């Protein structure tokens, strides 16, 4: 399962989502953090919508972590 957070440094919502993800996931699942500033296409795609959480290429939530959707996605991935 690939967990990706699109973010940028200095984004308070991004930092909070990463903290919340770590609390929920522990150290079991690695989280890949992608800085959108490093890619013009990502900047155009996500802009001010960050943070964006994707699991296996599917957008799960934007702005704030949706724990119910995260837990459902993790449970579906365990099957």
PDB file of N, CA and C in Angstrom:
ATOM      1  N   UNK A   1       0.845  -1.169   0.000  1.00  0.00           N
ATOM      2  CA  UNK A   1       0.000   0.000   0.000  1.00  0.00           C
ATOM      3  C   UNK A   1       0.892   1.234   0.000  1.00  0.00           C
ATOM      4  N   UNK A   2       0.622   2.140  -0.934  1.00  0.00           N
ATOM      5  CA  UNK A   2       1.412   3.373  -1.011  1.00  0.00           C
ATOM      6  C   UNK A   2       0.592   4.539  -0.460  1.00  0.00           C
ATOM      7  N   UNK A   3       1.156   5.202   0.544  1.00  0.00           N
ATOM      8  CA  UNK A   3       0.517   6.352   1.181  1.00  0.00           C
ATOM      9  C   UNK A   3       1.351   7.577   0.845  1.00  0.00           C
ATOM     10  N   UNK A   4       0.706   8.564   0.195  1.00  0.00           N
ATOM     11  CA  UNK A   4       1.407   9.763  -0.258  1.00  0.00           C
ATOM     12  C   UNK A   4       0.673  10.994   0.263  1.00  0.00           C
ATOM     13  N   UNK A   5       1.437  11.941   0.792  1.00  0.00           N
ATOM     14  CA  UNK A   5       0.892  13.239   1.177  1.00  0.00           C
ATOM     15  C   UNK A   5       1.574  14.292   0.318  1.00  0.00           C
ATOM     16  N   UNK A   6       0.778  15.024  -0.449  1.00  0.00           N
ATOM     17  CA  UNK A   6       1.283  16.147  -1.230  1.00  0.00           C
ATOM     18  C   UNK A   6       1.213  17.375  -0.342  1.00  0.00           C
ATOM     19  N   UNK A   7       2.343  18.061  -0.208  1.00  0.00           N
ATOM     20  CA  UNK A   7       2.427  19.178   0.728  1.00  0.00           C
ATOM     21  C   UNK A   7       3.503  20.151   0.281  1.00  0.00           C
ATOM     22  N   UNK A   8       3.769  21.093   1.158  1.00  0.00           N
ATOM     23  CA  UNK A   8       4.907  21.999   0.984  1.00  0.00           C
ATOM     24  C   UNK A   8       5.369  22.437   2.358  1.00  0.00           C
ATOM     25  N   UNK A   9       6.644  22.769   2.501  1.00  0.00           N
ATOM     26  CA  UNK A   9       7.161  23.228   3.793  1.00  0.00           C
ATOM     27  C   UNK A   9       6.445  24.498   4.251  1.00  0.00           C
ATOM     28  N   UNK A  10       6.268  24.616   5.551  1.00  0.00           N
ATOM     29  CA  UNK A  10       5.642  25.805   6.108  1.00  0.00           C
ATOM     30  C   UNK A  10       4.124  25.759   6.096  1.00  0.00           C
ATOM     31  N   UNK A  11       3.548  24.650   5.687  1.00  0.00           N
ATOM     32  CA  UNK A  11       2.096  24.495   5.634  1.00  0.00           C
ATOM     33  C   UNK A  11       1.632  23.853   6.940  1.00  0.00           C
ATOM     34  N   UNK A  12       0.936  24.625   7.759  1.00  0.00           N
ATOM     35  CA  UNK A  12       0.474  24.122   9.050  1.00  0.00           C
ATOM     36  C   UNK A  12      -0.485  22.949   8.919  1.00  0.00           C
ATOM     37  N   UNK A  13      -1.398  23.006   7.948  1.00  0.00           N
ATOM     38  CA  UNK A  13      -2.323  21.891   7.747  1.00  0.00           C
ATOM     39  C   UNK A  13      -1.577  20.629   7.320  1.00  0.00           C
ATOM     40  N   UNK A  14      -0.537  20.801   6.508  1.00  0.00           N
ATOM     41  CA  UNK A  14       0.275  19.658   6.067  1.00  0.00           C
ATOM     42  C   UNK A  14       0.961  19.010   7.260  1.00  0.00           C
ATOM     43  N   UNK A  15       1.557  19.844   8.104  1.00  0.00           N
ATOM     44  CA  UNK A  15       2.234  19.328   9.293  1.00  0.00           C
ATOM     45  C   UNK A  15       1.260  18.575  10.192  1.00  0.00           C
ATOM     46  N   UNK A  16       0.061  19.130  10.366  1.00  0.00           N
ATOM     47  CA  UNK A  16      -0.929  18.487  11.224  1.00  0.00           C
ATOM     48  C   UNK A  16      -1.387  17.156  10.642  1.00  0.00           C
ATOM     49  N   UNK A  17      -1.585  17.099   9.316  1.00  0.00           N
ATOM     50  CA  UNK A  17      -1.997  15.842   8.705  1.00  0.00           C
ATOM     51  C   UNK A  17      -0.927  14.767   8.903  1.00  0.00           C
ATOM     52  N   UNK A  18       0.329  15.141   8.771  1.00  0.00           N
ATOM     53  CA  UNK A  18       1.408  14.174   8.958  1.00  0.00           C
ATOM     54  C   UNK A  18       1.467  13.669  10.399  1.00  0.00           C
ATOM     55  N   UNK A  19       1.264  14.556  11.357  1.00  0.00           N
ATOM     56  CA  UNK A  19       1.239  14.149  12.760  1.00  0.00           C
ATOM     57  C   UNK A  19       0.074  13.190  12.997  1.00  0.00           C
ATOM     58  N   UNK A  20      -1.108  13.548  12.486  1.00  0.00           N
ATOM     59  CA  UNK A  20      -2.289  12.704  12.669  1.00  0.00           C
ATOM     60  C   UNK A  20      -2.112  11.341  12.003  1.00  0.00           C
ATOM     61  N   UNK A  21      -1.496  11.328  10.828  1.00  0.00           N
ATOM     62  CA  UNK A  21      -1.240  10.056  10.147  1.00  0.00           C
ATOM     63  C   UNK A  21      -0.293   9.181  10.955  1.00  0.00           C
ATOM     64  N   UNK A  22       0.768   9.781  11.471  1.00  0.00           N
ATOM     65  CA  UNK A  22       1.719   9.011  12.278  1.00  0.00           C
ATOM     66  C   UNK A  22       1.054   8.442  13.518  1.00  0.00           C
ATOM     67  N   UNK A  23       0.188   9.228  14.145  1.00  0.00           N
ATOM     68  CA  UNK A  23      -0.527   8.741  15.329  1.00  0.00           C
ATOM     69  C   UNK A  23      -1.433   7.568  14.967  1.00  0.00           C
ATOM     70  N   UNK A  24      -2.081   7.652  13.822  1.00  0.00           N
ATOM     71  CA  UNK A  24      -3.009   6.597  13.401  1.00  0.00           C
ATOM     72  C   UNK A  24      -2.278   5.357  12.899  1.00  0.00           C
ATOM     73  N   UNK A  25      -1.205   5.556  12.141  1.00  0.00           N
ATOM     74  CA  UNK A  25      -0.520   4.437  11.499  1.00  0.00           C
ATOM     75  C   UNK A  25       0.632   3.880  12.319  1.00  0.00           C
ATOM     76  N   UNK A  26       1.196   4.686  13.195  1.00  0.00           N
ATOM     77  CA  UNK A  26       2.403   4.265  13.884  1.00  0.00           C
ATOM     78  C   UNK A  26       3.540   4.214  12.881  1.00  0.00           C
ATOM     79  N   UNK A  27       4.455   3.318  13.087  1.00  0.00           N
ATOM     80  CA  UNK A  27       5.599   3.227  12.173  1.00  0.00           C
ATOM     81  C   UNK A  27       5.444   2.066  11.196  1.00  0.00           C
ATOM     82  N   UNK A  28       4.248   1.478  11.140  1.00  0.00           N
ATOM     83  CA  UNK A  28       4.036   0.306  10.299  1.00  0.00           C
ATOM     84  C   UNK A  28       4.078   0.649   8.815  1.00  0.00           C
ATOM     85  N   UNK A  29       3.327   1.669   8.424  1.00  0.00           N
ATOM     86  CA  UNK A  29       3.236   2.032   7.010  1.00  0.00           C
ATOM     87  C   UNK A  29       4.061   3.281   6.728  1.00  0.00           C
ATOM     88  N   UNK A  30       4.976   3.216   5.771  1.00  0.00           N
ATOM     89  CA  UNK A  30       5.746   4.413   5.437  1.00  0.00           C
ATOM     90  C   UNK A  30       4.874   5.422   4.689  1.00  0.00           C
ATOM     91  N   UNK A  31       5.097   6.671   4.985  1.00  0.00           N
ATOM     92  CA  UNK A  31       4.371   7.756   4.326  1.00  0.00           C
ATOM     93  C   UNK A  31       5.359   8.492   3.439  1.00  0.00           C
ATOM     94  N   UNK A  32       5.032   8.604   2.165  1.00  0.00           N
ATOM     95  CA  UNK A  32       5.882   9.364   1.244  1.00  0.00           C
ATOM     96  C   UNK A  32       5.336  10.783   1.185  1.00  0.00           C
ATOM     97  N   UNK A  33       6.180  11.751   1.494  1.00  0.00           N
ATOM     98  CA  UNK A  33       5.789  13.154   1.456  1.00  0.00           C
ATOM     99  C   UNK A  33       6.378  13.763   0.193  1.00  0.00           C
ATOM    100  N   UNK A  34       5.501  14.372  -0.623  1.00  0.00           N
ATOM    101  CA  UNK A  34       5.928  14.977  -1.880  1.00  0.00           C
ATOM    102  C   UNK A  34       5.752  16.487  -1.776  1.00  0.00           C
ATOM    103  N   UNK A  35       6.848  17.210  -1.941  1.00  0.00           N
ATOM    104  CA  UNK A  35       6.845  18.669  -1.923  1.00  0.00           C
ATOM    105  C   UNK A  35       6.396  19.154  -3.299  1.00  0.00           C
ATOM    106  N   UNK A  36       5.211  19.762  -3.372  1.00  0.00           N
ATOM    107  CA  UNK A  36       4.679  20.167  -4.676  1.00  0.00           C
ATOM    108  C   UNK A  36       5.472  21.308  -5.309  1.00  0.00           C
ATOM    109  N   UNK A  37       6.268  22.019  -4.512  1.00  0.00           N
ATOM    110  CA  UNK A  37       7.048  23.129  -5.070  1.00  0.00           C
ATOM    111  C   UNK A  37       8.101  22.657  -6.059  1.00  0.00           C
ATOM    112  N   UNK A  38       8.476  21.399  -5.973  1.00  0.00           N
ATOM    113  CA  UNK A  38       9.540  20.877  -6.817  1.00  0.00           C
ATOM    114  C   UNK A  38       9.068  20.452  -8.204  1.00  0.00           C
ATOM    115  N   UNK A  39       7.763  20.575  -8.471  1.00  0.00           N
ATOM    116  CA  UNK A  39       7.220  20.093  -9.743  1.00  0.00           C
ATOM    117  C   UNK A  39       6.097  21.021 -10.181  1.00  0.00           C
ATOM    118  N   UNK A  40       6.269  21.652 -11.334  1.00  0.00           N
ATOM    119  CA  UNK A  40       5.272  22.615 -11.825  1.00  0.00           C
ATOM    120  C   UNK A  40       3.904  21.972 -12.043  1.00  0.00           C
ATOM    121  N   UNK A  41       3.888  20.742 -12.527  1.00  0.00           N
ATOM    122  CA  UNK A  41       2.612  20.054 -12.752  1.00  0.00           C
ATOM    123  C   UNK A  41       1.881  19.818 -11.434  1.00  0.00           C
ATOM    124  N   UNK A  42       2.616  19.453 -10.396  1.00  0.00           N
ATOM    125  CA  UNK A  42       1.986  19.242  -9.088  1.00  0.00           C
ATOM    126  C   UNK A  42       1.509  20.561  -8.496  1.00  0.00           C
ATOM    127  N   UNK A  43       2.283  21.627  -8.672  1.00  0.00           N
ATOM    128  CA  UNK A  43       1.848  22.945  -8.188  1.00  0.00           C
ATOM    129  C   UNK A  43       0.547  23.347  -8.861  1.00  0.00           C
ATOM    130  N   UNK A  44       0.462  23.121 -10.170  1.00  0.00           N
ATOM    131  CA  UNK A  44      -0.758  23.464 -10.902  1.00  0.00           C
ATOM    132  C   UNK A  44      -1.926  22.579 -10.475  1.00  0.00           C
ATOM    133  N   UNK A  45      -1.653  21.314 -10.236  1.00  0.00           N
ATOM    134  CA  UNK A  45      -2.709  20.359  -9.886  1.00  0.00           C
ATOM    135  C   UNK A  45      -3.257  20.596  -8.478  1.00  0.00           C
ATOM    136  N   UNK A  46      -2.364  20.809  -7.506  1.00  0.00           N
ATOM    137  CA  UNK A  46      -2.787  20.886  -6.114  1.00  0.00           C
ATOM    138  C   UNK A  46      -2.870  22.302  -5.558  1.00  0.00           C
ATOM    139  N   UNK A  47      -1.999  23.194  -6.009  1.00  0.00           N
ATOM    140  CA  UNK A  47      -2.040  24.589  -5.573  1.00  0.00           C
ATOM    141  C   UNK A  47      -2.312  24.755  -4.095  1.00  0.00           C
ATOM    142  N   UNK A  48      -3.422  25.386  -3.766  1.00  0.00           N
ATOM    143  CA  UNK A  48      -3.788  25.659  -2.376  1.00  0.00           C
ATOM    144  C   UNK A  48      -4.620  24.544  -1.758  1.00  0.00           C
ATOM    145  N   UNK A  49      -4.831  23.436  -2.471  1.00  0.00           N
ATOM    146  CA  UNK A  49      -5.648  22.337  -1.950  1.00  0.00           C
ATOM    147  C   UNK A  49      -4.896  21.473  -0.946  1.00  0.00           C
ATOM    148  N   UNK A  50      -3.606  21.713  -0.773  1.00  0.00           N
ATOM    149  CA  UNK A  50      -2.799  20.856   0.088  1.00  0.00           C
ATOM    150  C   UNK A  50      -3.180  21.021   1.549  1.00  0.00           C
ATOM    151  N   UNK A  51      -2.923  20.028   2.350  1.00  0.00           N
ATOM    152  CA  UNK A  51      -2.365  18.728   2.009  1.00  0.00           C
ATOM    153  C   UNK A  51      -3.403  17.840   1.333  1.00  0.00           C
ATOM    154  N   UNK A  52      -2.904  16.976   0.475  1.00  0.00           N
ATOM    155  CA  UNK A  52      -3.745  15.986  -0.189  1.00  0.00           C
ATOM    156  C   UNK A  52      -3.180  14.613   0.156  1.00  0.00           C
ATOM    157  N   UNK A  53      -4.048  13.744   0.650  1.00  0.00           N
ATOM    158  CA  UNK A  53      -3.656  12.383   1.002  1.00  0.00           C
ATOM    159  C   UNK A  53      -4.153  11.436  -0.074  1.00  0.00           C
ATOM    160  N   UNK A  54      -3.234  10.657  -0.616  1.00  0.00           N
ATOM    161  CA  UNK A  54      -3.564   9.611  -1.579  1.00  0.00           C
ATOM    162  C   UNK A  54      -3.128   8.261  -1.038  1.00  0.00           C
ATOM    163  N   UNK A  55      -3.954   7.277  -1.283  1.00  0.00           N
ATOM    164  CA  UNK A  55      -3.581   5.902  -0.972  1.00  0.00           C
ATOM    165  C   UNK A  55      -3.745   5.104  -2.250  1.00  0.00           C
ATOM    166  N   UNK A  56      -2.646   4.484  -2.668  1.00  0.00           N
ATOM    167  CA  UNK A  56      -2.602   3.709  -3.904  1.00  0.00           C
ATOM    168  C   UNK A  56      -3.152   4.499  -5.088  1.00  0.00           C
ATOM    169  N   UNK A  57      -2.778   5.785  -5.156  1.00  0.00           N
ATOM    170  CA  UNK A  57      -3.136   6.621  -6.291  1.00  0.00           C
ATOM    171  C   UNK A  57      -4.525   7.232  -6.244  1.00  0.00           C
ATOM    172  N   UNK A  58      -5.298   6.942  -5.210  1.00  0.00           N
ATOM    173  CA  UNK A  58      -6.652   7.485  -5.088  1.00  0.00           C
ATOM    174  C   UNK A  58      -6.684   8.566  -4.009  1.00  0.00           C
ATOM    175  N   UNK A  59      -7.212   9.741  -4.359  1.00  0.00           N
ATOM    176  CA  UNK A  59      -7.310  10.820  -3.385  1.00  0.00           C
ATOM    177  C   UNK A  59      -8.306  10.446  -2.306  1.00  0.00           C
ATOM    178  N   UNK A  60      -7.837  10.506  -1.071  1.00  0.00           N
ATOM    179  CA  UNK A  60      -8.668  10.134   0.065  1.00  0.00           C
ATOM    180  C   UNK A  60      -9.256  11.370   0.745  1.00  0.00           C
ATOM    181  N   UNK A  61      -8.435  12.403   0.920  1.00  0.00           N
ATOM    182  CA  UNK A  61      -8.928  13.631   1.538  1.00  0.00           C
ATOM    183  C   UNK A  61      -7.977  14.776   1.247  1.00  0.00           C
ATOM    184  N   UNK A  62      -8.498  15.988   1.453  1.00  0.00           N
ATOM    185  CA  UNK A  62      -7.736  17.220   1.259  1.00  0.00           C
ATOM    186  C   UNK A  62      -7.938  18.112   2.469  1.00  0.00           C
ATOM    187  N   UNK A  63      -6.914  18.860   2.819  1.00  0.00           N
ATOM    188  CA  UNK A  63      -7.028  19.837   3.901  1.00  0.00           C
ATOM    189  C   UNK A  63      -6.855  19.238   5.277  1.00  0.00           C
ATOM    190  N   UNK A  64      -7.741  18.361   5.657  1.00  0.00           N
ATOM    191  CA  UNK A  64      -7.678  17.710   6.966  1.00  0.00           C
ATOM    192  C   UNK A  64      -7.854  16.212   6.793  1.00  0.00           C
ATOM    193  N   UNK A  65      -7.268  15.477   7.694  1.00  0.00           N
ATOM    194  CA  UNK A  65      -7.344  14.024   7.636  1.00  0.00           C
ATOM    195  C   UNK A  65      -8.758  13.561   7.976  1.00  0.00           C
ATOM    196  N   UNK A  66      -9.317  12.737   7.106  1.00  0.00           N
ATOM    197  CA  UNK A  66     -10.620  12.116   7.327  1.00  0.00           C
ATOM    198  C   UNK A  66     -10.348  10.712   7.867  1.00  0.00           C
ATOM    199  N   UNK A  67     -10.414  10.572   9.187  1.00  0.00           N
ATOM    200  CA  UNK A  67     -10.057   9.307   9.826  1.00  0.00           C
ATOM    201  C   UNK A  67     -10.946   8.153   9.396  1.00  0.00           C
ATOM    202  N   UNK A  68     -12.227   8.399   9.211  1.00  0.00           N
ATOM    203  CA  UNK A  68     -13.118   7.307   8.820  1.00  0.00           C
ATOM    204  C   UNK A  68     -12.767   6.792   7.426  1.00  0.00           C
ATOM    205  N   UNK A  69     -12.461   7.685   6.499  1.00  0.00           N
ATOM    206  CA  UNK A  69     -12.061   7.249   5.157  1.00  0.00           C
ATOM    207  C   UNK A  69     -10.702   6.551   5.187  1.00  0.00           C
ATOM    208  N   UNK A  70      -9.784   7.064   6.015  1.00  0.00           N
ATOM    209  CA  UNK A  70      -8.477   6.432   6.134  1.00  0.00           C
ATOM    210  C   UNK A  70      -8.617   5.009   6.668  1.00  0.00           C
ATOM    211  N   UNK A  71      -9.376   4.853   7.725  1.00  0.00           N
ATOM    212  CA  UNK A  71      -9.549   3.526   8.315  1.00  0.00           C
ATOM    213  C   UNK A  71     -10.229   2.571   7.346  1.00  0.00           C
ATOM    214  N   UNK A  72     -11.213   3.054   6.594  1.00  0.00           N
ATOM    215  CA  UNK A  72     -11.882   2.208   5.603  1.00  0.00           C
ATOM    216  C   UNK A  72     -10.913   1.779   4.506  1.00  0.00           C
ATOM    217  N   UNK A  73     -10.078   2.716   4.046  1.00  0.00           N
ATOM    218  CA  UNK A  73      -9.100   2.397   3.003  1.00  0.00           C
ATOM    219  C   UNK A  73      -8.075   1.397   3.510  1.00  0.00           C
ATOM    220  N   UNK A  74      -7.628   1.564   4.741  1.00  0.00           N
ATOM    221  CA  UNK A  74      -6.654   0.629   5.314  1.00  0.00           C
ATOM    222  C   UNK A  74      -7.254  -0.751   5.487  1.00  0.00           C
ATOM    223  N   UNK A  75      -8.504  -0.800   5.922  1.00  0.00           N
ATOM    224  CA  UNK A  75      -9.180  -2.089   6.088  1.00  0.00           C
ATOM    225  C   UNK A  75      -9.367  -2.775   4.727  1.00  0.00           C
ATOM    226  N   UNK A  76      -9.713  -2.010   3.716  1.00  0.00           N
ATOM    227  CA  UNK A  76      -9.892  -2.562   2.364  1.00  0.00           C
ATOM    228  C   UNK A  76      -8.560  -3.075   1.811  1.00  0.00           C
ATOM    229  N   UNK A  77      -7.480  -2.396   2.163  1.00  0.00           N
ATOM    230  CA  UNK A  77      -6.160  -2.801   1.693  1.00  0.00           C
ATOM    231  C   UNK A  77      -5.644  -4.063   2.343  1.00  0.00           C
ATOM    232  N   UNK A  78      -6.186  -4.384   3.514  1.00  0.00           N
ATOM    233  CA  UNK A  78      -5.764  -5.586   4.233  1.00  0.00           C
ATOM    234  C   UNK A  78      -6.412  -6.858   3.701  1.00  0.00           C
ATOM    235  N   UNK A  79      -7.403  -6.698   2.849  1.00  0.00           N
ATOM    236  CA  UNK A  79      -8.134  -7.872   2.343  1.00  0.00           C
ATOM    237  C   UNK A  79      -7.392  -8.573   1.248  1.00  0.00           C
TER     238      UNK A  79
END
